[in-house]
């Protein structure tokens, strides 16, 4: 998603505020009159986020889960090598197609990355 608000904040009139991520030639200072197109875009994205009902911590958890991680290799008690999910520590097995590695852990949904 394109970021509309700068990561850093600015101080305006002694108050900390979020600042838009506009290009200088795109701004016509309409924010002074309450008609900023960037603010409208940011408000609509914020509305979409708030409509999900997720908290910021839940959103961060989903983003972390969607970041692909390589499964870990361990040896079991029989000397066989197994792949385990780095998130939930369960075996990573593709029950439906053993010739192709799974893209997600079937237990916790963690995105998996194989190879480079």
N, C-alpha and C. Protein backbone atom coordinates (compact mmCIF):
# COMPACT_ATOMS: atom_id res chain seq x y z
N UNK A 1 0.84 -1.17 0.00
CA UNK A 1 0.00 0.00 0.00
C UNK A 1 0.89 1.24 0.00
N UNK A 2 0.53 2.20 -0.80
CA UNK A 2 1.26 3.46 -0.88
C UNK A 2 1.07 4.23 0.41
N UNK A 3 2.17 4.73 0.95
CA UNK A 3 2.10 5.49 2.20
C UNK A 3 1.73 6.93 1.89
N UNK A 4 0.65 7.43 2.52
CA UNK A 4 0.21 8.81 2.32
C UNK A 4 0.72 9.76 3.41
N UNK A 5 1.08 9.21 4.54
CA UNK A 5 1.53 10.01 5.67
C UNK A 5 3.00 9.69 5.93
N UNK A 6 3.78 10.74 6.18
CA UNK A 6 5.20 10.54 6.49
C UNK A 6 5.34 9.74 7.78
N UNK A 7 6.43 8.99 7.88
CA UNK A 7 6.69 8.24 9.11
C UNK A 7 7.01 9.19 10.25
N UNK A 8 7.75 10.25 9.96
CA UNK A 8 8.10 11.21 11.02
C UNK A 8 6.97 12.22 11.18
N UNK A 9 6.88 12.82 12.34
CA UNK A 9 5.86 13.84 12.59
C UNK A 9 6.49 15.22 12.50
N UNK A 10 5.65 16.24 12.42
CA UNK A 10 6.12 17.63 12.40
C UNK A 10 5.46 18.37 13.54
N UNK A 11 6.03 19.50 13.91
CA UNK A 11 5.47 20.34 14.97
C UNK A 11 4.86 21.57 14.31
N UNK A 12 3.55 21.76 14.54
CA UNK A 12 2.84 22.90 14.00
C UNK A 12 2.14 23.58 15.16
N UNK A 13 2.48 24.85 15.41
CA UNK A 13 1.86 25.59 16.51
C UNK A 13 2.08 24.93 17.85
N UNK A 14 3.24 24.31 18.03
CA UNK A 14 3.56 23.66 19.30
C UNK A 14 2.95 22.28 19.47
N UNK A 15 2.19 21.79 18.48
CA UNK A 15 1.56 20.46 18.56
C UNK A 15 2.20 19.51 17.55
N UNK A 16 2.37 18.27 17.98
CA UNK A 16 2.90 17.24 17.08
C UNK A 16 1.79 16.79 16.14
N UNK A 17 2.07 16.77 14.84
CA UNK A 17 1.06 16.41 13.84
C UNK A 17 1.66 15.45 12.82
N UNK A 18 0.78 14.66 12.21
CA UNK A 18 1.19 13.84 11.07
C UNK A 18 1.23 14.74 9.85
N UNK A 19 2.18 14.50 8.98
CA UNK A 19 2.31 15.31 7.77
C UNK A 19 2.11 14.43 6.55
N UNK A 20 1.48 14.99 5.52
CA UNK A 20 1.24 14.21 4.31
C UNK A 20 2.55 13.99 3.56
N UNK A 21 2.51 13.04 2.67
CA UNK A 21 3.69 12.65 1.91
C UNK A 21 3.58 13.19 0.49
N UNK A 22 3.10 14.41 0.34
CA UNK A 22 2.84 15.00 -0.97
C UNK A 22 4.13 15.38 -1.68
N UNK A 23 4.04 15.47 -2.99
CA UNK A 23 5.11 16.05 -3.79
C UNK A 23 4.88 17.55 -3.80
N UNK A 24 5.92 18.34 -3.70
CA UNK A 24 5.76 19.79 -3.61
C UNK A 24 4.91 20.39 -4.72
N UNK A 25 5.04 19.88 -5.93
CA UNK A 25 4.28 20.47 -7.03
C UNK A 25 2.82 20.00 -7.05
N UNK A 26 2.47 19.01 -6.22
CA UNK A 26 1.08 18.54 -6.15
C UNK A 26 0.27 19.29 -5.10
N UNK A 27 0.93 20.02 -4.22
CA UNK A 27 0.23 20.67 -3.12
C UNK A 27 -0.18 22.09 -3.51
N UNK A 28 -1.42 22.43 -3.20
CA UNK A 28 -1.87 23.79 -3.46
C UNK A 28 -2.32 24.47 -2.16
N UNK A 29 -1.85 23.95 -1.02
CA UNK A 29 -2.16 24.50 0.30
C UNK A 29 -3.65 24.50 0.59
N UNK A 30 -4.42 23.61 -0.06
CA UNK A 30 -5.85 23.58 0.19
C UNK A 30 -6.17 23.06 1.59
N UNK A 31 -5.17 22.47 2.28
CA UNK A 31 -5.42 21.99 3.65
C UNK A 31 -5.79 23.15 4.57
N UNK A 32 -5.31 24.34 4.25
CA UNK A 32 -5.64 25.51 5.07
C UNK A 32 -7.13 25.82 5.00
N UNK A 33 -7.80 25.31 3.97
CA UNK A 33 -9.23 25.58 3.80
C UNK A 33 -10.07 24.33 4.01
N UNK A 34 -9.45 23.25 4.52
CA UNK A 34 -10.18 22.03 4.81
C UNK A 34 -10.54 21.19 3.59
N UNK A 35 -9.85 21.38 2.46
CA UNK A 35 -10.17 20.63 1.25
C UNK A 35 -8.94 19.92 0.68
N UNK A 36 -8.13 19.36 1.51
CA UNK A 36 -6.90 18.71 1.04
C UNK A 36 -7.19 17.33 0.46
N UNK A 37 -6.79 17.11 -0.80
CA UNK A 37 -7.03 15.81 -1.43
C UNK A 37 -6.23 14.70 -0.75
N UNK A 38 -5.06 15.02 -0.22
CA UNK A 38 -4.24 14.02 0.46
C UNK A 38 -4.90 13.59 1.76
N UNK A 39 -5.47 14.54 2.48
CA UNK A 39 -6.16 14.21 3.73
C UNK A 39 -7.37 13.33 3.43
N UNK A 40 -8.09 13.63 2.35
CA UNK A 40 -9.23 12.80 1.96
C UNK A 40 -8.83 11.37 1.67
N UNK A 41 -7.71 11.18 0.95
CA UNK A 41 -7.22 9.83 0.67
C UNK A 41 -6.84 9.12 1.96
N UNK A 42 -6.14 9.83 2.84
CA UNK A 42 -5.71 9.23 4.10
C UNK A 42 -6.92 8.86 4.96
N UNK A 43 -7.93 9.71 4.98
CA UNK A 43 -9.14 9.41 5.75
C UNK A 43 -9.84 8.16 5.23
N UNK A 44 -9.90 7.99 3.91
CA UNK A 44 -10.56 6.80 3.34
C UNK A 44 -9.78 5.53 3.68
N UNK A 45 -8.43 5.60 3.63
CA UNK A 45 -7.64 4.43 4.01
C UNK A 45 -7.81 4.12 5.49
N UNK A 46 -7.85 5.15 6.32
CA UNK A 46 -8.06 4.95 7.75
C UNK A 46 -9.44 4.33 7.99
N UNK A 47 -10.45 4.76 7.27
CA UNK A 47 -11.79 4.20 7.40
C UNK A 47 -11.78 2.71 7.05
N UNK A 48 -11.12 2.35 5.93
CA UNK A 48 -11.03 0.94 5.55
C UNK A 48 -10.36 0.12 6.64
N UNK A 49 -9.30 0.66 7.23
CA UNK A 49 -8.60 -0.04 8.31
C UNK A 49 -9.51 -0.19 9.52
N UNK A 50 -10.15 0.90 9.94
CA UNK A 50 -11.00 0.85 11.13
C UNK A 50 -12.20 -0.07 10.91
N UNK A 51 -12.69 -0.17 9.68
CA UNK A 51 -13.83 -1.05 9.39
C UNK A 51 -13.48 -2.53 9.56
N UNK A 52 -12.18 -2.87 9.55
CA UNK A 52 -11.79 -4.27 9.75
C UNK A 52 -12.01 -4.71 11.19
N UNK A 53 -11.99 -3.76 12.12
CA UNK A 53 -12.16 -4.10 13.53
C UNK A 53 -10.90 -4.63 14.18
N UNK A 54 -9.78 -4.62 13.46
CA UNK A 54 -8.52 -5.12 14.01
C UNK A 54 -7.81 -4.04 14.81
N UNK A 55 -7.12 -4.46 15.87
CA UNK A 55 -6.30 -3.54 16.64
C UNK A 55 -4.94 -3.40 15.95
N UNK A 56 -4.17 -2.36 16.27
CA UNK A 56 -2.83 -2.25 15.68
C UNK A 56 -1.96 -3.47 15.96
N UNK A 57 -2.06 -4.05 17.16
CA UNK A 57 -1.27 -5.25 17.47
C UNK A 57 -1.68 -6.43 16.60
N UNK A 58 -2.98 -6.58 16.37
CA UNK A 58 -3.44 -7.67 15.49
C UNK A 58 -2.95 -7.46 14.07
N UNK A 59 -2.96 -6.23 13.61
CA UNK A 59 -2.49 -5.92 12.26
C UNK A 59 -1.00 -6.23 12.13
N UNK A 60 -0.20 -5.85 13.14
CA UNK A 60 1.24 -6.16 13.12
C UNK A 60 1.46 -7.66 13.11
N UNK A 61 0.65 -8.41 13.88
CA UNK A 61 0.77 -9.87 13.92
C UNK A 61 0.49 -10.49 12.56
N UNK A 62 -0.52 -9.98 11.87
CA UNK A 62 -0.83 -10.49 10.54
C UNK A 62 0.29 -10.17 9.55
N UNK A 63 0.85 -8.97 9.65
CA UNK A 63 1.96 -8.60 8.76
C UNK A 63 3.17 -9.49 9.02
N UNK A 64 3.44 -9.78 10.29
CA UNK A 64 4.57 -10.66 10.64
C UNK A 64 4.33 -12.07 10.11
N UNK A 65 3.10 -12.56 10.25
CA UNK A 65 2.77 -13.92 9.78
C UNK A 65 2.89 -14.01 8.26
N UNK A 66 2.61 -12.91 7.57
CA UNK A 66 2.65 -12.93 6.10
C UNK A 66 4.06 -12.74 5.56
N UNK A 67 5.03 -12.45 6.41
CA UNK A 67 6.42 -12.34 5.99
C UNK A 67 6.99 -13.76 5.90
N UNK A 68 7.41 -14.15 4.71
CA UNK A 68 7.88 -15.53 4.48
C UNK A 68 9.12 -15.83 5.32
N UNK A 69 9.08 -16.99 5.99
CA UNK A 69 10.20 -17.45 6.81
C UNK A 69 10.55 -18.87 6.39
N UNK A 70 11.83 -19.17 6.44
CA UNK A 70 12.29 -20.51 6.07
C UNK A 70 11.99 -21.49 7.20
N UNK A 71 11.47 -22.67 6.87
CA UNK A 71 11.28 -23.69 7.90
C UNK A 71 12.63 -24.16 8.43
N UNK A 72 12.64 -24.61 9.66
CA UNK A 72 13.88 -25.08 10.28
C UNK A 72 13.99 -26.59 10.10
N UNK A 73 15.22 -27.05 9.92
CA UNK A 73 15.47 -28.49 9.80
C UNK A 73 15.89 -29.03 11.16
N UNK A 74 15.26 -30.10 11.58
CA UNK A 74 15.67 -30.77 12.82
C UNK A 74 15.73 -32.27 12.55
N UNK A 75 16.47 -32.97 13.40
CA UNK A 75 16.51 -34.43 13.31
C UNK A 75 15.67 -34.99 14.44
N UNK A 76 14.77 -35.91 14.10
CA UNK A 76 13.93 -36.51 15.12
C UNK A 76 14.67 -37.66 15.80
N UNK A 77 14.01 -38.33 16.71
CA UNK A 77 14.63 -39.41 17.50
C UNK A 77 15.09 -40.57 16.63
N UNK A 78 14.54 -40.71 15.44
CA UNK A 78 14.91 -41.80 14.54
C UNK A 78 16.01 -41.41 13.57
N UNK A 79 16.50 -40.19 13.65
CA UNK A 79 17.56 -39.72 12.77
C UNK A 79 17.07 -39.14 11.45
N UNK A 80 15.76 -39.06 11.28
CA UNK A 80 15.19 -38.48 10.07
C UNK A 80 15.16 -36.96 10.19
N UNK A 81 15.41 -36.29 9.06
CA UNK A 81 15.34 -34.83 9.04
C UNK A 81 13.91 -34.41 8.77
N UNK A 82 13.43 -33.48 9.60
CA UNK A 82 12.08 -32.95 9.43
C UNK A 82 12.17 -31.44 9.31
N UNK A 83 11.20 -30.87 8.62
CA UNK A 83 11.07 -29.42 8.55
C UNK A 83 9.98 -29.00 9.52
N UNK A 84 10.27 -27.95 10.29
CA UNK A 84 9.27 -27.45 11.23
C UNK A 84 9.02 -25.97 10.99
N UNK A 85 7.82 -25.55 11.29
CA UNK A 85 7.42 -24.16 11.13
C UNK A 85 8.17 -23.30 12.16
N UNK A 86 8.77 -22.19 11.73
CA UNK A 86 9.49 -21.33 12.67
C UNK A 86 8.56 -20.60 13.64
N UNK A 87 7.27 -20.59 13.34
CA UNK A 87 6.31 -19.88 14.18
C UNK A 87 5.69 -20.78 15.25
N UNK A 88 5.10 -21.90 14.83
CA UNK A 88 4.36 -22.76 15.77
C UNK A 88 5.11 -24.04 16.14
N UNK A 89 6.24 -24.31 15.48
CA UNK A 89 7.10 -25.45 15.77
C UNK A 89 6.47 -26.80 15.41
N UNK A 90 5.43 -26.82 14.56
CA UNK A 90 4.84 -28.06 14.09
C UNK A 90 5.48 -28.48 12.78
N UNK A 91 5.35 -29.76 12.45
CA UNK A 91 5.93 -30.27 11.21
C UNK A 91 5.31 -29.60 10.00
N UNK A 92 6.14 -29.32 9.02
CA UNK A 92 5.68 -28.74 7.76
C UNK A 92 5.62 -29.87 6.75
N UNK A 93 4.40 -30.30 6.44
CA UNK A 93 4.19 -31.39 5.51
C UNK A 93 3.11 -30.95 4.53
N UNK A 94 3.34 -31.23 3.26
CA UNK A 94 2.32 -30.97 2.27
C UNK A 94 1.59 -32.28 2.02
N UNK A 95 0.45 -32.44 2.68
CA UNK A 95 -0.29 -33.69 2.58
C UNK A 95 -0.90 -33.90 1.20
N UNK A 96 -1.16 -32.84 0.48
CA UNK A 96 -1.87 -32.95 -0.79
C UNK A 96 -0.93 -33.19 -1.97
N UNK A 97 0.28 -32.65 -1.91
CA UNK A 97 1.21 -32.78 -3.02
C UNK A 97 2.62 -32.81 -2.45
N UNK A 98 3.13 -33.99 -2.19
CA UNK A 98 4.44 -34.11 -1.53
C UNK A 98 5.61 -33.70 -2.43
N UNK A 99 5.37 -33.57 -3.75
CA UNK A 99 6.47 -33.18 -4.64
C UNK A 99 6.70 -31.67 -4.64
N UNK A 100 5.75 -30.90 -4.11
CA UNK A 100 5.87 -29.44 -4.10
C UNK A 100 5.75 -28.96 -2.65
N UNK A 101 6.71 -28.16 -2.17
CA UNK A 101 6.65 -27.70 -0.77
C UNK A 101 5.46 -26.75 -0.56
N UNK A 102 4.90 -26.75 0.66
CA UNK A 102 3.76 -25.89 0.95
C UNK A 102 4.18 -24.42 1.04
N UNK A 103 3.26 -23.52 0.73
CA UNK A 103 3.53 -22.09 0.84
C UNK A 103 3.20 -21.56 2.23
N UNK A 104 2.35 -22.27 2.97
CA UNK A 104 1.91 -21.83 4.29
C UNK A 104 1.93 -23.01 5.25
N UNK A 105 2.12 -22.74 6.53
CA UNK A 105 1.98 -23.77 7.56
C UNK A 105 0.49 -24.09 7.68
N UNK A 106 0.16 -25.37 7.68
CA UNK A 106 -1.25 -25.77 7.75
C UNK A 106 -1.82 -25.58 9.15
N UNK A 107 -0.97 -25.37 10.15
CA UNK A 107 -1.45 -25.21 11.53
C UNK A 107 -1.70 -23.74 11.86
N UNK A 108 -0.69 -22.88 11.63
CA UNK A 108 -0.81 -21.48 12.07
C UNK A 108 -0.95 -20.47 10.93
N UNK A 109 -0.73 -20.90 9.69
CA UNK A 109 -0.87 -20.00 8.55
C UNK A 109 0.37 -19.19 8.22
N UNK A 110 1.50 -19.45 8.91
CA UNK A 110 2.75 -18.73 8.64
C UNK A 110 3.17 -18.96 7.20
N UNK A 111 3.50 -17.87 6.48
CA UNK A 111 4.00 -18.00 5.10
C UNK A 111 5.41 -18.61 5.17
N UNK A 112 5.66 -19.57 4.30
CA UNK A 112 6.94 -20.29 4.30
C UNK A 112 7.74 -19.98 3.04
N UNK A 113 9.06 -20.01 3.20
CA UNK A 113 9.97 -19.72 2.09
C UNK A 113 10.97 -20.87 1.99
N UNK A 114 11.08 -21.43 0.80
CA UNK A 114 12.03 -22.53 0.57
C UNK A 114 13.08 -22.04 -0.41
N UNK A 115 14.33 -22.41 -0.16
CA UNK A 115 15.42 -22.02 -1.05
C UNK A 115 15.72 -20.54 -0.93
N UNK A 116 16.29 -20.00 -1.99
CA UNK A 116 16.68 -18.58 -1.97
C UNK A 116 15.52 -17.73 -2.31
